[in-house]
């Protein structure tokens, strides 16, 4: 595998560079998303639709703790990209060491709290009725692997900040493939049910960690740490915290949305409505993988060139990323509008001997998922501006606007909408809230991004691609 040096982020043509960065990121996200998607299909077919709802209840808790690692990773990666761009390698090394120490301290503490409050957290996130027991089984086992997940998320962003997207891609592929193989063995062959699904997920996190640990010990990484780098530095922690807080706030909002959605939908339609949302939630993770890949590929390019004061390249990277992401989002939009029923059917078991309750849940899911999915993805073609705009402020180290734009969609618009509209429109009000929030957030992001470009990115006569 050819090496990619960090300096290439500031010299190669933007379009070519973005493809080189975004394709591995997209493939990695695709495989990870396929893992979640196929895992849900396996669980739905081999255990039942209630099991999908149970995993949906657990995800916001485990993902939030895992997202602590991602927040620390993205916050530190922004510093590392800019430090490498400014030829300040000592700061890059100290930042990476602090990321590792901070990730371990925070996530292990959060896991301890999560296990202690297990019986209260699961019902709070919608794990009620028939969902509670399978959710508790899954939650307890998966939580033990979450610190490894957090370290993987943190390390993956640093690998990408070094300009090594192919290695970051492999780090995402390994746990995905491992999880699917172990799903088959533990659930289908050994018939371990929810315990099998949970152990498959947990072991996959450990496999990912092992690969990332190997990468940083090998000659492929430019960041070689000594013990002195692990000592916490308050100024670096503040910078990691201010930038990482953007990602953490976004994930905290995602967890809050899951909590509200699971409870609102349970009140409107019981376990079956939660199952509908579980399927749509998987598609939200899976279908937009190319758009998220472009966003991930854009971050180190913008951060490096901003740190190197190559502002024409920064501006070109914004325009190119938005264009590529918008095209890909439009393709996703068309596919989901044409095949929502076929997609829903993939998650439902047709094995003989299903109980009357399971058959009723399956019928409800098939009847309600297509319309809900069309509403949820109705504004997909315009989300590129929203995602790239918020990512830009994070890439250049401007934490406050990045935070506010991150909070805009779900915090300022979506959550109020799902609290209000269902009172008038019932379950349809929940689904209509998605495109309305997307449109409003995109308008706000576009306004502030345009203003920032005019104010900060002064275009000179210098060639853009040099």
Protein backbone atom coordinates (compact mmCIF):
# COMPACT_ATOMS: atom_id res chain seq x y z
CA UNK A 1 0.00 0.00 0.00
CA UNK A 2 1.52 3.32 -1.08
CA UNK A 3 2.31 5.83 1.60
CA UNK A 4 0.60 9.21 1.61
CA UNK A 5 2.58 12.04 3.25
CA UNK A 6 0.87 14.83 5.13
CA UNK A 7 2.56 17.39 2.85
CA UNK A 8 0.55 16.13 -0.13
CA UNK A 9 -2.54 17.65 1.51
CA UNK A 10 -1.08 21.03 0.61
CA UNK A 11 0.20 20.32 -2.89
CA UNK A 12 -1.99 17.92 -4.91
CA UNK A 13 -4.94 19.22 -6.98
CA UNK A 14 -8.00 19.54 -4.73
CA UNK A 15 -10.37 17.40 -6.79
CA UNK A 16 -7.87 14.56 -7.05
CA UNK A 17 -6.91 14.91 -3.39
CA UNK A 18 -10.52 14.91 -2.19
CA UNK A 19 -11.23 11.73 -4.14
CA UNK A 20 -8.09 10.13 -2.72
CA UNK A 21 -9.17 11.07 0.82
CA UNK A 22 -12.91 10.53 0.45
CA UNK A 23 -12.97 7.16 -1.34
CA UNK A 24 -11.18 5.24 1.43
CA UNK A 25 -13.24 7.09 4.05
CA UNK A 26 -16.42 6.24 2.14
CA UNK A 27 -15.44 2.60 1.78
CA UNK A 28 -14.65 2.41 5.47
CA UNK A 29 -17.95 4.04 6.41
CA UNK A 30 -19.76 1.83 3.89
CA UNK A 31 -18.35 -1.33 5.41
CA UNK A 32 -19.06 -0.10 8.93
CA UNK A 33 -22.59 0.89 7.91
CA UNK A 34 -23.11 -2.39 6.09
CA UNK A 35 -22.03 -4.08 9.28
CA UNK A 36 -24.77 -2.26 11.22
CA UNK A 37 -27.28 -2.87 8.44
CA UNK A 38 -26.54 -6.55 7.88
CA UNK A 39 -26.22 -7.09 11.63
CA UNK A 40 -29.77 -5.74 11.99
CA UNK A 41 -30.98 -7.94 9.12
CA UNK A 42 -29.41 -11.00 10.77
CA UNK A 43 -30.91 -10.08 14.14
CA UNK A 44 -34.32 -9.41 12.60
CA UNK A 45 -34.38 -12.67 10.66
CA UNK A 46 -32.73 -14.96 13.22
CA UNK A 47 -34.03 -13.48 16.50
CA UNK A 48 -37.00 -11.25 15.61
CA UNK A 49 -38.14 -7.66 14.99
CA UNK A 50 -38.32 -6.95 18.74
CA UNK A 51 -34.57 -7.67 18.88
CA UNK A 52 -33.96 -4.89 16.31
CA UNK A 53 -35.91 -2.50 18.52
CA UNK A 54 -33.88 -3.65 21.54
CA UNK A 55 -30.57 -2.86 19.80
CA UNK A 56 -32.00 0.52 18.77
CA UNK A 57 -32.60 1.29 22.45
CA UNK A 58 -29.01 0.40 23.40
CA UNK A 59 -27.26 2.21 20.54
CA UNK A 60 -27.53 5.78 21.89
CA UNK A 61 -25.92 4.82 25.19
CA UNK A 62 -23.03 2.80 23.74
CA UNK A 63 -22.55 5.21 20.85
CA UNK A 64 -22.43 8.20 23.19
CA UNK A 65 -19.61 6.65 25.20
CA UNK A 66 -17.88 5.61 21.98
CA UNK A 67 -18.42 9.13 20.66
CA UNK A 68 -16.36 10.47 23.54
CA UNK A 69 -13.43 8.85 21.76
CA UNK A 70 -14.54 10.29 18.43
CA UNK A 71 -14.89 13.76 19.98
CA UNK A 72 -11.40 13.57 21.46
CA UNK A 73 -10.15 12.18 18.16
CA UNK A 74 -11.67 14.84 15.91
CA UNK A 75 -10.75 17.66 18.29
CA UNK A 76 -7.16 16.44 18.44
CA UNK A 77 -7.01 15.60 14.73
CA UNK A 78 -7.87 19.22 13.89
CA UNK A 79 -4.89 20.31 16.02
CA UNK A 80 -2.64 17.65 14.50
CA UNK A 81 -3.58 18.56 10.90
CA UNK A 82 -2.88 22.24 11.50
CA UNK A 83 0.32 21.46 13.45
CA UNK A 84 1.65 19.29 10.62
CA UNK A 85 0.67 21.99 8.13
CA UNK A 86 2.63 24.54 10.20
CA UNK A 87 5.59 22.06 10.57
CA UNK A 88 5.09 21.82 14.36
CA UNK A 89 5.55 18.08 14.92
CA UNK A 90 6.21 18.30 18.69
CA UNK A 91 2.73 19.74 19.21
CA UNK A 92 1.24 17.01 17.04
CA UNK A 93 2.93 14.32 19.17
CA UNK A 94 1.91 15.89 22.47
CA UNK A 95 -1.66 16.21 21.23
CA UNK A 96 -1.84 12.55 20.23
CA UNK A 97 -0.46 11.38 23.58
CA UNK A 98 -3.01 13.53 25.42
CA UNK A 99 -5.80 12.09 23.27
CA UNK A 100 -4.96 8.54 24.36
CA UNK A 101 -4.77 9.38 28.06
CA UNK A 102 -7.97 11.41 28.00
CA UNK A 103 -9.90 8.76 26.06
CA UNK A 104 -9.01 6.04 28.57
CA UNK A 105 -9.84 8.14 31.63
CA UNK A 106 -13.19 9.38 30.34
CA UNK A 107 -14.59 6.24 28.71
CA UNK A 108 -13.73 3.80 31.48
CA UNK A 109 -15.47 6.12 33.95
CA UNK A 110 -18.52 6.40 31.72
CA UNK A 111 -18.76 2.63 31.29
CA UNK A 112 -18.72 2.16 35.07
CA UNK A 113 -21.59 4.64 35.41
CA UNK A 114 -23.46 3.03 32.52
CA UNK A 115 -23.32 -0.39 34.10
CA UNK A 116 -24.34 0.92 37.52
CA UNK A 117 -27.46 2.66 36.18
CA UNK A 118 -28.42 -0.05 33.66
CA UNK A 119 -31.94 -0.65 35.01
CA UNK A 120 -32.84 3.03 34.77
CA UNK A 121 -31.16 3.88 31.48
CA UNK A 122 -32.79 1.19 29.34
CA UNK A 123 -36.44 2.17 30.07
CA UNK A 124 -35.49 5.86 29.75
CA UNK A 125 -34.32 5.21 26.18
CA UNK A 126 -37.52 3.41 25.25
CA UNK A 127 -36.64 -0.12 26.39
CA UNK A 128 -40.09 -0.87 27.75
CA UNK A 129 -42.45 -3.82 27.58
CA UNK A 130 -41.13 -6.75 25.55
CA UNK A 131 -38.05 -4.72 24.56
CA UNK A 132 -36.53 -4.47 28.07
CA UNK A 133 -35.02 -7.93 28.62
CA UNK A 134 -33.28 -8.37 25.23
CA UNK A 135 -32.06 -4.76 25.45
CA UNK A 136 -30.52 -5.37 28.89
CA UNK A 137 -28.72 -8.50 27.70
CA UNK A 138 -27.27 -6.69 24.69
CA UNK A 139 -26.40 -3.51 26.61
CA UNK A 140 -24.50 -5.21 29.44
CA UNK A 141 -22.18 -7.18 27.17
CA UNK A 142 -21.59 -4.46 24.57
CA UNK A 143 -20.69 -1.85 27.18
CA UNK A 144 -17.56 -3.82 28.15
CA UNK A 145 -16.23 -3.31 24.63
CA UNK A 146 -17.08 0.38 24.35
CA UNK A 147 -13.69 1.68 25.64
CA UNK A 148 -12.07 -0.22 22.75
CA UNK A 149 -14.60 1.39 20.40
CA UNK A 150 -13.72 4.83 21.77
CA UNK A 151 -9.98 4.22 21.27
CA UNK A 152 -10.71 3.02 17.71
CA UNK A 153 -12.75 6.12 16.89
CA UNK A 154 -10.06 8.37 18.33
CA UNK A 155 -7.21 6.57 16.58
CA UNK A 156 -8.99 6.45 13.24
CA UNK A 157 -9.32 10.23 13.03
CA UNK A 158 -5.62 10.64 13.87
CA UNK A 159 -4.65 8.17 11.12
CA UNK A 160 -6.65 10.27 8.67
CA UNK A 161 -5.08 13.50 9.99
CA UNK A 162 -1.67 12.00 9.13
CA UNK A 163 -2.85 11.69 5.53
CA UNK A 164 -3.22 7.87 5.66
CA UNK A 165 -6.85 7.34 4.58
CA UNK A 166 -6.30 3.78 3.32
CA UNK A 167 -5.15 2.59 6.73
CA UNK A 168 -8.12 4.35 8.31
CA UNK A 169 -10.35 2.49 5.85
CA UNK A 170 -8.86 -0.88 6.82
CA UNK A 171 -9.37 -0.05 10.49
CA UNK A 172 -13.10 0.33 9.79
CA UNK A 173 -13.35 -2.77 7.61
CA UNK A 174 -11.78 -5.21 10.08
CA UNK A 175 -14.42 -4.96 12.86
CA UNK A 176 -17.25 -4.91 10.35
CA UNK A 177 -16.22 -8.13 8.63
CA UNK A 178 -15.37 -9.72 11.98
CA UNK A 179 -18.74 -8.79 13.45
CA UNK A 180 -20.68 -10.28 10.56
CA UNK A 181 -18.72 -13.54 10.65
CA UNK A 182 -19.19 -13.83 14.41
CA UNK A 183 -22.88 -12.95 14.05
CA UNK A 184 -23.30 -15.97 11.84
CA UNK A 185 -21.44 -18.26 14.21
CA UNK A 186 -22.85 -16.98 17.52
CA UNK A 187 -26.46 -16.38 16.44
CA UNK A 188 -27.19 -18.77 13.59
CA UNK A 189 -24.86 -21.69 14.38
CA UNK A 190 -24.57 -21.57 18.19
CA UNK A 191 -28.07 -20.11 18.72
CA UNK A 192 -26.92 -17.66 21.42
CA UNK A 193 -29.59 -15.08 20.53
CA UNK A 194 -29.03 -11.55 21.89
CA UNK A 195 -25.94 -12.68 23.82
CA UNK A 196 -24.40 -13.86 20.55
CA UNK A 197 -25.16 -10.55 18.83
CA UNK A 198 -23.63 -8.64 21.74
CA UNK A 199 -20.44 -10.72 21.91
CA UNK A 200 -19.97 -10.45 18.16
CA UNK A 201 -20.10 -6.65 18.44
CA UNK A 202 -17.79 -6.47 21.46
CA UNK A 203 -15.12 -8.75 19.97
CA UNK A 204 -15.22 -6.73 16.74
CA UNK A 205 -14.27 -3.59 18.72
CA UNK A 206 -11.26 -5.41 20.16
CA UNK A 207 -10.14 -6.51 16.69
CA UNK A 208 -10.30 -2.93 15.44
CA UNK A 209 -8.27 -1.71 18.42
CA UNK A 210 -5.61 -4.36 17.79
CA UNK A 211 -5.14 -3.15 14.19
CA UNK A 212 -4.94 0.55 15.14
CA UNK A 213 -2.47 -0.26 17.92
CA UNK A 214 -0.34 -2.09 15.35
CA UNK A 215 -0.49 0.85 12.93
CA UNK A 216 0.91 3.36 15.40
CA UNK A 217 3.70 0.98 16.43
CA UNK A 218 4.66 0.32 12.80
CA UNK A 219 6.75 2.45 10.44
CA UNK A 220 3.57 3.54 8.64
CA UNK A 221 2.83 6.20 11.27
CA UNK A 222 4.77 9.45 11.56
CA UNK A 223 3.62 9.90 15.18
CA UNK A 224 6.04 7.99 17.42
CA UNK A 225 5.21 8.59 21.05
CA UNK A 226 7.34 8.58 24.20
CA UNK A 227 6.06 8.41 27.78
CA UNK A 228 6.41 12.19 28.12
CA UNK A 229 3.71 12.71 25.48
CA UNK A 230 1.07 10.99 27.63
CA UNK A 231 1.31 13.56 30.42
CA UNK A 232 -1.75 15.81 30.29
CA UNK A 233 -1.15 19.36 29.04
CA UNK A 234 -3.87 21.79 30.09
CA UNK A 235 -3.60 24.07 27.04
CA UNK A 236 -3.87 21.11 24.65
CA UNK A 237 -6.73 19.62 26.65
CA UNK A 238 -8.61 22.92 26.39
CA UNK A 239 -8.14 22.99 22.62
CA UNK A 240 -9.11 19.32 22.23
CA UNK A 241 -12.12 19.92 24.48
CA UNK A 242 -13.34 23.03 22.70
CA UNK A 243 -13.17 21.38 19.26
CA UNK A 244 -14.17 17.90 20.39
CA UNK A 245 -17.15 19.33 22.23
CA UNK A 246 -18.69 19.96 18.82
CA UNK A 247 -18.65 16.24 17.98
CA UNK A 248 -19.68 15.27 21.51
CA UNK A 249 -22.60 17.70 21.43
CA UNK A 250 -23.72 16.27 18.11
CA UNK A 251 -23.63 12.73 19.49
CA UNK A 252 -25.30 13.82 22.72
CA UNK A 253 -28.10 15.25 20.61
CA UNK A 254 -28.28 12.00 18.63
CA UNK A 255 -28.66 10.09 21.89
CA UNK A 256 -31.31 12.56 23.08
CA UNK A 257 -33.15 12.18 19.77
CA UNK A 258 -33.11 8.40 20.16
CA UNK A 259 -34.47 8.77 23.69
CA UNK A 260 -37.29 11.08 22.56
CA UNK A 261 -38.07 9.17 19.37
CA UNK A 262 -38.21 5.76 21.06
CA UNK A 263 -40.50 7.07 23.79
CA UNK A 264 -42.75 9.14 21.50
CA UNK A 265 -43.12 6.29 19.01
CA UNK A 266 -43.70 3.73 21.76
CA UNK A 267 -46.56 5.88 23.03
CA UNK A 268 -47.98 6.25 19.51
CA UNK A 269 -47.65 2.67 18.25
CA UNK A 270 -45.87 0.47 20.78
CA UNK A 271 -42.94 -1.81 20.01
CA UNK A 272 -43.86 -1.89 16.30
CA UNK A 273 -43.36 1.86 15.88
CA UNK A 274 -39.97 1.62 17.60
CA UNK A 275 -39.08 -1.16 15.13
CA UNK A 276 -39.98 1.13 12.21
CA UNK A 277 -37.64 3.79 13.56
CA UNK A 278 -34.92 1.17 14.13
CA UNK A 279 -35.00 0.25 10.42
CA UNK A 280 -35.00 3.90 9.32
CA UNK A 281 -32.19 4.63 11.76
CA UNK A 282 -30.08 1.92 10.14
CA UNK A 283 -30.73 3.45 6.73
CA UNK A 284 -29.73 6.88 8.04
CA UNK A 285 -26.40 5.35 9.06
CA UNK A 286 -25.98 3.32 5.88
CA UNK A 287 -27.44 5.22 2.92
CA UNK A 288 -25.51 8.44 3.47
CA UNK A 289 -22.10 6.77 3.68
CA UNK A 290 -20.71 8.49 0.53
CA UNK A 291 -21.73 11.91 1.83
CA UNK A 292 -20.12 11.24 5.21
CA UNK A 293 -17.06 9.93 3.37
CA UNK A 294 -16.67 13.20 1.46
CA UNK A 295 -17.07 15.10 4.74
CA UNK A 296 -14.37 13.00 6.43
CA UNK A 297 -12.08 13.38 3.43
CA UNK A 298 -12.63 17.15 3.42
CA UNK A 299 -11.61 17.70 7.08
CA UNK A 300 -7.83 17.08 6.86
CA UNK A 301 -7.56 18.89 3.52
CA UNK A 302 -9.24 22.04 4.85
CA UNK A 303 -7.38 21.86 8.19
CA UNK A 304 -3.93 21.36 6.66
CA UNK A 305 -4.27 24.10 4.05
CA UNK A 306 -5.78 26.54 6.54
CA UNK A 307 -2.83 25.88 8.87
CA UNK A 308 -0.45 26.43 5.93
CA UNK A 309 -2.35 29.67 5.02
CA UNK A 310 -3.16 28.37 1.54
CA UNK A 311 -6.56 30.02 1.52
CA UNK A 312 -7.36 29.60 -2.20
CA UNK A 313 -7.03 25.84 -1.71
CA UNK A 314 -9.28 25.96 1.33
CA UNK A 315 -11.99 27.72 -0.63
CA UNK A 316 -11.69 25.32 -3.54
CA UNK A 317 -11.89 22.36 -1.17
CA UNK A 318 -15.18 23.71 0.24
CA UNK A 319 -16.74 24.13 -3.21
CA UNK A 320 -15.52 20.77 -4.48
CA UNK A 321 -16.64 18.89 -1.37
CA UNK A 322 -20.13 20.41 -1.51
CA UNK A 323 -20.46 19.57 -5.20
CA UNK A 324 -19.34 15.94 -4.80
CA UNK A 325 -21.46 15.39 -1.68
CA UNK A 326 -24.57 16.92 -3.28
CA UNK A 327 -24.32 14.63 -6.31
CA UNK A 328 -23.96 11.56 -4.10
CA UNK A 329 -26.80 12.65 -1.80
CA UNK A 330 -29.11 13.02 -4.79
CA UNK A 331 -28.35 9.46 -5.93
CA UNK A 332 -29.19 8.18 -2.43
CA UNK A 333 -32.43 10.18 -2.47
CA UNK A 334 -33.61 8.56 -5.72
CA UNK A 335 -32.84 5.02 -4.55
CA UNK A 336 -34.66 5.38 -1.24
CA UNK A 337 -37.73 6.88 -2.84
CA UNK A 338 -38.04 4.02 -5.32
CA UNK A 339 -37.38 1.00 -3.07
CA UNK A 340 -38.53 1.72 0.53
CA UNK A 341 -40.83 -1.33 0.74
CA UNK A 342 -38.16 -3.72 -0.51
CA UNK A 343 -35.69 -2.27 2.01
CA UNK A 344 -38.10 -2.73 4.92
CA UNK A 345 -38.74 -6.34 3.93
CA UNK A 346 -35.06 -7.23 4.31
CA UNK A 347 -35.26 -6.76 8.08
CA UNK A 348 -38.27 -8.99 8.74
CA UNK A 349 -38.26 -12.70 9.39
CA UNK A 350 -40.47 -15.00 7.31
CA UNK A 351 -39.48 -18.21 9.09
CA UNK A 352 -42.35 -20.54 10.02
CA UNK A 353 -43.69 -20.65 13.57
CA UNK A 354 -43.67 -16.90 14.31
CA UNK A 355 -45.94 -15.88 17.17
CA UNK A 356 -49.07 -13.82 16.57
CA UNK A 357 -47.32 -10.86 18.21
CA UNK A 358 -44.33 -11.09 15.87
CA UNK A 359 -46.59 -11.40 12.84
CA UNK A 360 -48.53 -8.31 13.92
CA UNK A 361 -45.32 -6.32 14.40
CA UNK A 362 -44.06 -7.39 10.97
CA UNK A 363 -47.32 -6.35 9.30
CA UNK A 364 -47.21 -2.94 11.00
CA UNK A 365 -43.59 -2.39 9.97
CA UNK A 366 -44.27 -3.27 6.33
CA UNK A 367 -47.30 -0.99 6.22
CA UNK A 368 -45.73 2.08 7.85
CA UNK A 369 -42.02 2.04 6.94
CA UNK A 370 -42.17 3.06 3.24
CA UNK A 371 -44.03 6.35 3.80
CA UNK A 372 -41.93 7.13 6.87
CA UNK A 373 -38.69 6.51 4.98
CA UNK A 374 -39.72 8.79 2.12
CA UNK A 375 -40.45 11.61 4.56
CA UNK A 376 -37.22 11.14 6.52
CA UNK A 377 -35.04 11.33 3.37
CA UNK A 378 -37.10 13.94 1.51
CA UNK A 379 -34.50 16.72 1.93
CA UNK A 380 -31.43 14.53 1.38
CA UNK A 381 -30.19 16.30 -1.81
CA UNK A 382 -29.49 19.54 0.10
CA UNK A 383 -27.75 18.17 3.21
CA UNK A 384 -24.29 18.41 1.60
CA UNK A 385 -24.12 22.14 2.32
CA UNK A 386 -25.18 21.57 5.91
CA UNK A 387 -22.57 18.86 6.60
CA UNK A 388 -19.62 20.44 4.79
CA UNK A 389 -20.39 23.88 6.21
CA UNK A 390 -20.37 22.69 9.81
CA UNK A 391 -17.28 20.52 9.18
CA UNK A 392 -15.36 23.49 7.77
CA UNK A 393 -15.54 25.48 11.00
CA UNK A 394 -14.40 22.42 12.94
CA UNK A 395 -11.50 21.77 10.53
CA UNK A 396 -10.11 25.29 10.95
CA UNK A 397 -10.41 25.24 14.74
CA UNK A 398 -13.36 27.63 15.18
CA UNK A 399 -15.19 25.72 17.88
CA UNK A 400 -18.08 28.08 18.66
CA UNK A 401 -19.58 28.40 15.16
CA UNK A 402 -18.91 24.70 14.55
CA UNK A 403 -20.82 23.89 17.74
CA UNK A 404 -23.74 26.17 16.94
CA UNK A 405 -24.10 24.84 13.39
CA UNK A 406 -23.88 21.29 14.68
CA UNK A 407 -26.65 21.99 17.18
CA UNK A 408 -28.82 23.76 14.61
CA UNK A 409 -30.49 20.82 12.89
CA UNK A 410 -31.31 18.55 15.79
CA UNK A 411 -31.16 20.90 18.76
CA UNK A 412 -32.76 24.08 17.46
CA UNK A 413 -35.16 22.59 14.91
CA UNK A 414 -35.70 18.82 15.01
CA UNK A 415 -36.28 18.26 18.73
CA UNK A 416 -38.86 21.08 19.04
CA UNK A 417 -40.60 19.77 15.91
CA UNK A 418 -40.95 16.18 17.18
CA UNK A 419 -42.31 17.51 20.47
CA UNK A 420 -44.95 19.64 18.72
CA UNK A 421 -46.01 18.08 15.40
CA UNK A 422 -47.10 14.63 16.66
CA UNK A 423 -49.79 16.36 18.73
CA UNK A 424 -51.40 17.49 15.47
CA UNK A 425 -50.30 14.88 12.91
CA UNK A 426 -49.73 11.75 15.00
CA UNK A 427 -46.91 9.46 13.85
CA UNK A 428 -46.70 11.33 10.52
CA UNK A 429 -45.68 14.42 12.49
CA UNK A 430 -42.57 12.58 13.67
CA UNK A 431 -41.45 11.75 10.14
CA UNK A 432 -42.29 15.16 8.64
CA UNK A 433 -40.00 16.76 11.24
CA UNK A 434 -36.91 15.32 9.49
CA UNK A 435 -37.08 17.22 6.16
CA UNK A 436 -38.29 20.45 7.79
CA UNK A 437 -35.30 20.42 10.14
CA UNK A 438 -32.92 19.66 7.24
CA UNK A 439 -34.17 22.57 5.16
CA UNK A 440 -34.01 25.09 8.01
CA UNK A 441 -30.54 23.94 9.13
CA UNK A 442 -29.18 24.10 5.57
CA UNK A 443 -30.39 27.69 5.15
CA UNK A 444 -28.71 28.76 8.40
CA UNK A 445 -25.45 26.91 7.61
CA UNK A 446 -25.30 28.33 4.09
CA UNK A 447 -25.67 31.86 5.39
CA UNK A 448 -22.86 31.59 7.96
CA UNK A 449 -20.52 29.66 5.65
CA UNK A 450 -20.86 32.29 2.92
CA UNK A 451 -20.24 35.05 5.45
CA UNK A 452 -17.12 33.29 6.82
CA UNK A 453 -15.66 32.69 3.36
CA UNK A 454 -16.03 36.36 2.43
CA UNK A 455 -14.52 37.50 5.73
CA UNK A 456 -11.62 35.04 6.15
CA UNK A 457 -10.59 33.33 2.93
CA UNK A 458 -8.97 36.14 1.00
CA UNK A 459 -8.40 34.93 -2.54
CA UNK A 460 -5.06 35.95 -3.97
CA UNK A 461 -3.69 35.59 -7.47
CA UNK A 462 -1.67 32.56 -6.34
CA UNK A 463 -2.42 29.28 -8.15
CA UNK A 464 -5.05 27.29 -6.26
CA UNK A 465 -3.41 23.89 -6.63
CA UNK A 466 0.05 24.73 -5.35
